[in-house]
Amino acid sequence: MNNVIKPFEFATVAEIIVEWAGAERLGEILQTRLRARNALLVTDPGLVKAGVLPPVLFSLREAGFQVTLYDQVQADPQECIVRKATRVAREHHCDMVIGLGGGSSLDVAKLAAVLIPSEQEVQDLYGIGKVSGQRLPLVQIPTTAGTGSEVTNIAILTTGENSKMGVVDRQLYCDLVLLDAQLTLGLPRVHTAAAGIDAMVHAIEAYTGKHKKNPISDALAREALCLISRHLVTACHDGQNREARESVLLGALLAGQAFANSPVAAVHALAYPLGGRHHIPHGLSNALMLVPVLRFNAAVAAPLYAELAAVVGVGGTGNVEQDAQAFIDEMQRIIVASGAPQRLRDVDIQQGDLPVLAHDAMQQTRLLVNNPRKLSEADALQLYQQAF
């Protein structure tokens, strides 16, 4: 009976295209796949300033698409950003949505695609399975290698001064992902590091999840961790390296597929208050909390960490505890080598902030339930102190 497979579900996006410079022929790619021809393109001011958009817009318009540009997405987007994007799309009668950018732009694109044809309001969507009706056709093109948002059914919004809320629904899986690593060439070192570590966290937490871990998510998580651990440091120090950029971007996508089906846990639960209260970017928040949480979970998850040690090329002693420790040490080494900040005090967190952060982290029950080891508020405070 030990070999019997437990029932599980796995869902992902309909189609993925991996192509260097593929964004420059986006119109040609979409022309034969979608009937819709009036696109809302959701992105952020940074990509506009970086000059990323002209070849994408030219390709779409040459292929017969009308394009309405919404380029006001900010990091940790608030509800008003989604409402504005939805209003602009309705005013221009858009019948499809393209997300181009980091996780924030992709999340806004998901919610806009759901809300444009709907009578629901954004606040009606929070939670699991609250989306009703059909969304518009949705295409996602990531420009950072970290969030995996292009292949997840999750969108996160900032709902107050210090809080975030999530929308989780199958309707948020898009129709097509275009993975074009050329778009990541201009990503600065610190953003490359934080995004890549974020993706590694996705893979690790999917692999060690308490409830929904399954053979498909495991396989994706292992391959994601293999790709990112081998290439992230190179991508950080040699941002023009095509092999490194492609490997980390693909790894982030695979990790996204993994955690969309085997959800993340305590690292993210402790990271969210750092973003909500102190506006620390999500990937960096995860990087700061990863090693303390790994050490905490090792009391329960050591056998799984030992398996992941082999994936990242360390361990091999045959001793579970030693190999698990080798895995944790390797994660620490990658963080240091990537150049990401390592301590909460390095990003202006004060000792007096820690109790409030611990209290906030305990509100993330949707995530904490997935953690391999039960975590109390006192544990959370101790983890923040270790990270300080």
Protein backbone atom coordinates (compact mmCIF):
# COMPACT_ATOMS: atom_id res chain seq x y z
CA MET A 1 0.00 0.00 0.00
CA ASN A 2 2.96 2.37 0.43
CA ASN A 3 3.23 2.69 -3.35
CA VAL A 4 -0.39 3.79 -3.82
CA ILE A 5 -0.59 7.35 -5.18
CA LYS A 6 -2.70 9.65 -3.07
CA PRO A 7 -5.38 11.54 -5.00
CA PHE A 8 -4.23 14.97 -6.15
CA GLU A 9 -5.10 17.71 -8.61
CA PHE A 10 -2.80 19.63 -10.92
CA ALA A 11 -3.74 22.61 -13.09
CA THR A 12 -1.73 25.08 -15.12
CA VAL A 13 -1.95 27.48 -18.06
CA ALA A 14 -3.11 26.35 -21.49
CA GLU A 15 0.04 27.13 -23.51
CA ILE A 16 3.65 28.18 -22.92
CA ILE A 17 6.01 29.50 -25.59
CA VAL A 18 9.72 29.87 -24.79
CA GLU A 19 11.49 32.00 -27.38
CA TRP A 20 14.39 34.44 -27.23
CA ALA A 21 13.17 37.79 -28.66
CA GLY A 22 9.69 36.33 -28.97
CA ALA A 23 8.11 39.56 -27.71
CA GLU A 24 9.26 41.27 -30.89
CA ARG A 25 6.91 39.05 -32.89
CA LEU A 26 4.07 38.95 -30.37
CA GLY A 27 1.48 40.01 -32.94
CA GLU A 28 2.39 37.12 -35.23
CA ILE A 29 2.23 34.68 -32.31
CA LEU A 30 -1.20 35.85 -31.16
CA GLN A 31 -2.73 36.37 -34.59
CA THR A 32 -3.51 32.69 -35.16
CA ARG A 33 -4.33 31.88 -31.54
CA LEU A 34 -6.86 34.54 -30.54
CA ARG A 35 -9.93 35.96 -32.21
CA ALA A 36 -9.83 39.05 -30.01
CA ARG A 37 -8.16 42.06 -31.61
CA ASN A 38 -8.52 44.95 -29.14
CA ALA A 39 -5.92 44.55 -26.41
CA LEU A 40 -5.36 46.22 -23.06
CA LEU A 41 -1.60 46.11 -22.45
CA VAL A 42 -0.86 46.30 -18.72
CA THR A 43 2.65 47.35 -17.69
CA ASP A 44 4.59 49.79 -15.50
CA PRO A 45 6.36 53.16 -16.01
CA GLY A 46 9.81 51.58 -15.57
CA LEU A 47 9.42 49.38 -18.63
CA VAL A 48 8.13 52.33 -20.63
CA LYS A 49 11.18 54.36 -19.61
CA ALA A 50 13.48 51.43 -20.43
CA GLY A 51 12.22 51.39 -24.02
CA VAL A 52 10.88 47.85 -23.90
CA LEU A 53 7.48 48.61 -25.41
CA PRO A 54 8.04 49.98 -28.96
CA PRO A 55 8.90 46.66 -30.68
CA VAL A 56 6.06 44.90 -28.85
CA LEU A 57 3.53 47.56 -29.82
CA PHE A 58 4.80 47.64 -33.42
CA SER A 59 4.44 43.87 -33.72
CA LEU A 60 0.89 43.90 -32.35
CA ARG A 61 -0.26 46.76 -34.56
CA GLU A 62 1.38 45.29 -37.67
CA ALA A 63 -0.63 42.10 -37.03
CA GLY A 64 -3.89 44.03 -36.88
CA PHE A 65 -4.34 44.47 -33.14
CA GLN A 66 -5.57 47.67 -31.56
CA VAL A 67 -3.69 48.38 -28.33
CA THR A 68 -4.71 50.47 -25.33
CA LEU A 69 -1.77 51.02 -23.01
CA TYR A 70 -2.20 51.06 -19.24
CA ASP A 71 1.27 51.75 -17.84
CA GLN A 72 0.56 52.94 -14.29
CA VAL A 73 1.14 49.72 -12.33
CA GLN A 74 3.18 50.23 -9.16
CA ALA A 75 4.91 47.66 -6.96
CA ASP A 76 2.55 46.10 -4.40
CA PRO A 77 -0.44 47.39 -6.39
CA GLN A 78 -3.50 48.70 -4.59
CA GLU A 79 -7.12 48.13 -5.55
CA CYS A 80 -7.32 51.51 -7.26
CA ILE A 81 -4.77 50.38 -9.86
CA VAL A 82 -6.99 47.46 -10.86
CA ARG A 83 -10.07 49.68 -10.95
CA LYS A 84 -8.34 52.22 -13.21
CA ALA A 85 -7.08 49.52 -15.58
CA THR A 86 -10.56 48.02 -15.75
CA ARG A 87 -12.17 51.41 -16.42
CA VAL A 88 -9.68 52.25 -19.19
CA ALA A 89 -10.28 48.88 -20.85
CA ARG A 90 -14.04 49.31 -20.77
CA GLU A 91 -13.81 52.82 -22.21
CA HIS A 92 -11.82 51.45 -25.17
CA HIS A 93 -13.93 48.28 -25.54
CA CYS A 94 -10.94 45.98 -25.04
CA ASP A 95 -11.67 42.31 -25.60
CA MET A 96 -8.35 40.85 -24.41
CA VAL A 97 -5.63 41.62 -21.86
CA ILE A 98 -1.83 41.35 -22.13
CA GLY A 99 0.29 41.55 -18.98
CA LEU A 100 3.89 42.65 -19.56
CA GLY A 101 6.20 43.13 -16.60
CA GLY A 102 6.92 41.84 -13.13
CA GLY A 103 4.51 40.12 -10.81
CA SER A 104 2.58 43.31 -10.05
CA SER A 105 1.73 43.95 -13.70
CA LEU A 106 0.84 40.32 -14.27
CA ASP A 107 -1.43 40.25 -11.22
CA VAL A 108 -3.21 43.43 -12.31
CA ALA A 109 -3.66 41.95 -15.79
CA LYS A 110 -5.27 38.82 -14.30
CA LEU A 111 -7.76 40.79 -12.25
CA ALA A 112 -8.55 43.19 -15.08
CA ALA A 113 -9.27 40.27 -17.41
CA VAL A 114 -11.73 38.94 -14.85
CA LEU A 115 -13.39 42.26 -13.98
CA ILE A 116 -13.75 43.94 -17.39
CA PRO A 117 -16.71 41.78 -18.50
CA SER A 118 -18.05 41.27 -14.95
CA GLU A 119 -20.39 43.04 -12.55
CA GLN A 120 -18.20 41.97 -9.61
CA GLU A 121 -16.05 44.49 -7.76
CA VAL A 122 -12.43 43.76 -6.90
CA GLN A 123 -13.19 43.41 -3.18
CA ASP A 124 -15.68 40.63 -4.02
CA LEU A 125 -12.85 38.42 -5.31
CA TYR A 126 -10.70 37.97 -2.20
CA GLY A 127 -10.34 34.39 -1.04
CA ILE A 128 -10.53 31.12 -2.92
CA GLY A 129 -12.94 30.47 -5.78
CA LYS A 130 -14.85 33.76 -5.60
CA VAL A 131 -14.62 34.69 -9.31
CA SER A 132 -17.85 34.30 -11.29
CA GLY A 133 -18.44 34.46 -15.03
CA GLN A 134 -15.89 34.27 -17.82
CA ARG A 135 -12.77 36.38 -18.13
CA LEU A 136 -11.34 37.94 -21.28
CA PRO A 137 -8.53 36.17 -23.17
CA LEU A 138 -5.32 36.69 -21.18
CA VAL A 139 -1.67 36.64 -22.29
CA GLN A 140 1.20 36.97 -19.78
CA ILE A 141 4.79 38.02 -20.56
CA PRO A 142 7.12 38.22 -17.53
CA THR A 143 10.09 40.58 -17.51
CA THR A 144 11.48 39.41 -14.18
CA ALA A 145 12.53 35.88 -13.24
CA GLY A 146 10.99 35.31 -9.85
CA THR A 147 7.29 35.60 -9.09
CA GLY A 148 6.06 32.87 -11.44
CA SER A 149 2.84 34.91 -11.59
CA GLU A 150 2.55 34.18 -15.31
CA VAL A 151 1.57 30.57 -14.52
CA THR A 152 -0.24 30.91 -11.20
CA ASN A 153 -3.92 31.31 -10.38
CA ILE A 154 -3.14 33.84 -7.64
CA ALA A 155 -3.14 37.64 -7.55
CA ILE A 156 -2.05 39.72 -4.55
CA LEU A 157 -3.18 43.27 -3.85
CA THR A 158 -2.34 45.78 -1.13
CA THR A 159 -5.66 46.46 0.60
CA GLY A 160 -4.68 48.93 3.31
CA GLU A 161 -1.68 50.68 4.73
CA ASN A 162 -0.19 47.47 6.10
CA SER A 163 -2.17 44.57 4.65
CA LYS A 164 -2.37 42.41 1.55
CA MET A 165 -5.13 40.15 0.27
CA GLY A 166 -5.10 37.36 -2.28
CA VAL A 167 -7.44 36.22 -5.03
CA VAL A 168 -7.15 32.51 -5.83
CA ASP A 169 -9.23 31.04 -8.65
CA ARG A 170 -8.81 28.84 -11.73
CA GLN A 171 -10.02 31.77 -13.84
CA LEU A 172 -6.67 33.47 -13.22
CA TYR A 173 -4.74 30.87 -15.20
CA CYS A 174 -3.98 32.62 -18.48
CA ASP A 175 -4.38 31.35 -22.04
CA LEU A 176 -0.78 31.87 -23.15
CA VAL A 177 2.58 32.58 -21.52
CA LEU A 178 5.42 33.96 -23.62
CA LEU A 179 8.78 33.44 -21.95
CA ASP A 180 11.29 35.78 -23.61
CA ALA A 181 14.49 35.99 -21.55
CA GLN A 182 15.78 38.86 -23.69
CA LEU A 183 13.34 41.05 -21.76
CA THR A 184 15.24 40.32 -18.52
CA LEU A 185 18.64 41.53 -19.74
CA GLY A 186 18.26 44.99 -18.24
CA LEU A 187 17.20 43.76 -14.80
CA PRO A 188 19.57 45.22 -12.16
CA ARG A 189 21.65 42.89 -10.02
CA VAL A 190 19.72 43.40 -6.77
CA HIS A 191 16.39 42.76 -8.52
CA THR A 192 17.80 39.71 -10.29
CA ALA A 193 18.98 38.33 -6.96
CA ALA A 194 15.76 38.99 -5.07
CA ALA A 195 13.56 37.62 -7.86
CA GLY A 196 15.66 34.50 -8.28
CA ILE A 197 15.70 33.76 -4.56
CA ASP A 198 11.93 34.32 -4.51
CA ALA A 199 11.60 31.61 -7.17
CA MET A 200 13.81 29.23 -5.19
CA VAL A 201 11.56 29.79 -2.20
CA HIS A 202 8.56 28.87 -4.35
CA ALA A 203 10.25 25.62 -5.34
CA ILE A 204 11.35 24.73 -1.80
CA GLU A 205 8.01 25.49 -0.18
CA ALA A 206 6.11 23.61 -2.89
CA TYR A 207 8.38 20.60 -2.37
CA THR A 208 7.92 20.61 1.41
CA GLY A 209 4.23 21.62 1.56
CA LYS A 210 2.18 19.82 4.15
CA HIS A 211 -1.06 19.20 2.26
CA LYS A 212 -0.94 19.44 -1.54
CA LYS A 213 2.58 18.31 -2.45
CA ASN A 214 2.30 15.81 -5.32
CA PRO A 215 4.51 14.02 -7.87
CA ILE A 216 4.05 16.65 -10.60
CA SER A 217 4.70 19.64 -8.35
CA ASP A 218 7.70 17.79 -6.91
CA ALA A 219 9.21 17.22 -10.36
CA LEU A 220 8.70 20.86 -11.34
CA ALA A 221 10.13 22.11 -8.04
CA ARG A 222 13.26 19.98 -8.38
CA GLU A 223 13.94 21.11 -11.93
CA ALA A 224 13.27 24.74 -11.00
CA LEU A 225 15.69 24.57 -8.08
CA CYS A 226 18.31 22.86 -10.23
CA LEU A 227 18.15 25.57 -12.91
CA ILE A 228 18.09 28.54 -10.57
CA SER A 229 20.73 27.34 -8.11
CA ARG A 230 23.17 26.71 -10.97
CA HIS A 231 22.64 29.97 -12.84
CA LEU A 232 21.40 32.69 -10.48
CA VAL A 233 24.78 33.94 -9.30
CA THR A 234 26.00 34.17 -12.91
CA ALA A 235 22.85 36.08 -13.89
CA CYS A 236 23.48 38.50 -11.02
CA HIS A 237 27.11 39.18 -11.94
CA ASP A 238 26.84 38.89 -15.73
CA GLY A 239 23.41 40.20 -16.60
CA GLN A 240 23.96 39.78 -20.36
CA ASN A 241 24.62 36.04 -20.07
CA ARG A 242 21.90 34.47 -22.23
CA GLU A 243 22.19 30.97 -20.81
CA ALA A 244 21.91 32.22 -17.23
CA ARG A 245 19.01 34.54 -17.98
CA GLU A 246 17.07 31.85 -19.86
CA SER A 247 17.71 29.23 -17.18
CA VAL A 248 16.60 31.43 -14.28
CA LEU A 249 13.50 32.62 -16.16
CA LEU A 250 12.47 29.05 -17.03
CA GLY A 251 13.21 27.97 -13.47
CA ALA A 252 10.95 30.71 -12.13
CA LEU A 253 8.13 29.55 -14.39
CA LEU A 254 8.51 25.92 -13.30
CA ALA A 255 8.56 26.98 -9.66
CA GLY A 256 5.39 28.98 -10.31
CA GLN A 257 3.66 25.91 -11.70
CA ALA A 258 4.79 23.95 -8.65
CA PHE A 259 3.54 26.35 -5.98
CA ALA A 260 0.30 27.09 -7.83
CA ASN A 261 -0.57 23.47 -7.03
CA SER A 262 1.36 22.93 -3.77
CA PRO A 263 1.09 26.32 -2.04
CA VAL A 264 3.81 28.26 -0.26
CA ALA A 265 4.12 28.45 3.51
CA ALA A 266 5.99 30.14 6.39
CA VAL A 267 8.69 31.96 4.40
CA HIS A 268 5.97 33.84 2.54
CA ALA A 269 3.86 34.29 5.67
CA LEU A 270 6.78 36.04 7.37
CA ALA A 271 7.71 37.95 4.21
CA TYR A 272 4.31 39.55 3.65
CA PRO A 273 4.41 41.84 6.74
CA LEU A 274 7.82 43.13 5.60
CA GLY A 275 6.23 44.26 2.36
CA GLY A 276 2.96 45.41 3.88
CA ARG A 277 4.43 47.53 6.69
CA HIS A 278 7.86 48.48 5.36
CA HIS A 279 7.39 48.24 1.57
CA ILE A 280 10.30 45.88 1.12
CA PRO A 281 10.00 44.20 -2.32
CA HIS A 282 8.43 40.77 -2.12
CA GLY A 283 11.40 38.82 -3.49
CA LEU A 284 13.80 40.51 -1.09
CA SER A 285 11.46 39.83 1.84
CA ASN A 286 11.54 36.13 0.99
CA ALA A 287 15.32 36.19 0.65
CA LEU A 288 15.64 37.70 4.13
CA MET A 289 13.45 35.06 5.78
CA LEU A 290 14.46 31.93 3.86
CA VAL A 291 17.38 30.61 5.90
CA PRO A 292 15.82 31.16 9.36
CA VAL A 293 12.67 29.32 8.27
CA LEU A 294 14.69 26.50 6.71
CA ARG A 295 16.52 26.03 10.00
CA PHE A 296 13.23 26.05 11.93
CA ASN A 297 11.55 23.55 9.59
CA ALA A 298 14.55 21.20 9.48
CA ALA A 299 13.32 19.45 12.63
CA VAL A 300 10.49 18.05 10.50
CA ALA A 301 11.55 18.57 6.88
CA ALA A 302 15.17 17.32 7.03
CA PRO A 303 14.48 14.25 4.82
CA LEU A 304 13.05 16.49 2.10
CA TYR A 305 15.89 19.00 2.44
CA ALA A 306 18.33 16.11 2.08
CA GLU A 307 16.65 15.22 -1.23
CA LEU A 308 16.94 18.82 -2.40
CA ALA A 309 20.62 18.86 -1.41
CA ALA A 310 21.27 16.39 -4.20
CA VAL A 311 19.33 18.61 -6.63
CA VAL A 312 21.62 21.59 -5.91
CA GLY A 313 24.78 19.46 -5.94
CA VAL A 314 25.69 19.23 -2.26
CA GLY A 315 25.38 16.66 0.51
CA GLY A 316 25.66 13.03 -0.55
CA THR A 317 26.84 11.81 2.86
CA GLY A 318 23.86 9.50 3.33
CA ASN A 319 23.19 11.16 6.67
CA VAL A 320 19.85 12.97 6.50
CA GLU A 321 20.68 15.66 9.05
CA GLN A 322 24.08 16.40 7.51
CA ASP A 323 22.69 16.57 3.99
CA ALA A 324 19.81 18.79 5.12
CA GLN A 325 22.30 21.13 6.75
CA ALA A 326 24.38 21.13 3.57
CA PHE A 327 21.28 22.21 1.66
CA ILE A 328 20.59 25.07 4.08
CA ASP A 329 24.24 26.14 3.89
CA GLU A 330 24.08 26.13 0.09
CA MET A 331 21.01 28.37 0.11
CA GLN A 332 22.88 30.75 2.42
CA ARG A 333 25.90 30.69 0.09
CA ILE A 334 23.78 31.55 -2.95
CA ILE A 335 22.12 34.45 -1.14
CA VAL A 336 25.51 35.86 -0.13
CA ALA A 337 27.03 35.32 -3.58
CA SER A 338 24.06 36.94 -5.31
CA GLY A 339 24.63 40.18 -3.44
CA ALA A 340 21.15 40.33 -1.88
CA PRO A 341 20.86 41.99 1.56
CA GLN A 342 21.08 39.36 4.28
CA ARG A 343 19.76 40.97 7.48
CA LEU A 344 16.58 42.82 8.37
CA ARG A 345 18.67 45.65 9.79
CA ASP A 346 20.26 46.05 6.34
CA VAL A 347 16.85 47.19 5.02
CA ASP A 348 16.10 49.57 7.90
CA ILE A 349 13.96 47.25 10.05
CA GLN A 350 14.28 48.14 13.73
CA GLN A 351 14.38 45.72 16.66
CA GLY A 352 11.20 47.28 18.01
CA ASP A 353 9.36 46.42 14.78
CA LEU A 354 9.72 42.67 15.25
CA PRO A 355 6.80 41.94 17.64
CA VAL A 356 4.35 43.71 15.32
CA LEU A 357 5.72 41.77 12.34
CA ALA A 358 5.28 38.50 14.24
CA HIS A 359 1.68 39.38 15.07
CA ASP A 360 0.98 40.26 11.42
CA ALA A 361 2.58 37.05 10.16
CA MET A 362 0.17 34.94 12.20
CA GLN A 363 -2.72 36.41 10.22
CA GLN A 364 -1.44 34.55 7.12
CA THR A 365 -3.33 31.39 8.04
CA ARG A 366 -3.83 30.48 4.34
CA LEU A 367 -0.06 30.05 4.10
CA LEU A 368 0.90 28.82 7.57
CA VAL A 369 -1.36 25.79 7.26
CA ASN A 370 0.97 24.51 4.49
CA ASN A 371 4.14 24.72 6.58
CA PRO A 372 5.69 21.35 7.46
CA ARG A 373 6.13 22.46 11.08
CA LYS A 374 3.52 24.29 13.15
CA LEU A 375 4.57 27.84 13.87
CA SER A 376 3.43 30.00 16.81
CA GLU A 377 3.67 33.76 17.24
CA ALA A 378 6.60 33.22 19.62
CA ASP A 379 8.30 31.13 16.92
CA ALA A 380 7.67 33.88 14.36
CA LEU A 381 9.22 36.48 16.64
CA GLN A 382 12.26 34.28 17.17
CA LEU A 383 12.65 33.85 13.40
CA TYR A 384 12.54 37.60 12.85
CA GLN A 385 15.13 37.99 15.60
CA GLN A 386 17.37 35.45 13.87
CA ALA A 387 16.97 37.36 10.60
CA PHE A 388 17.67 40.71 12.28
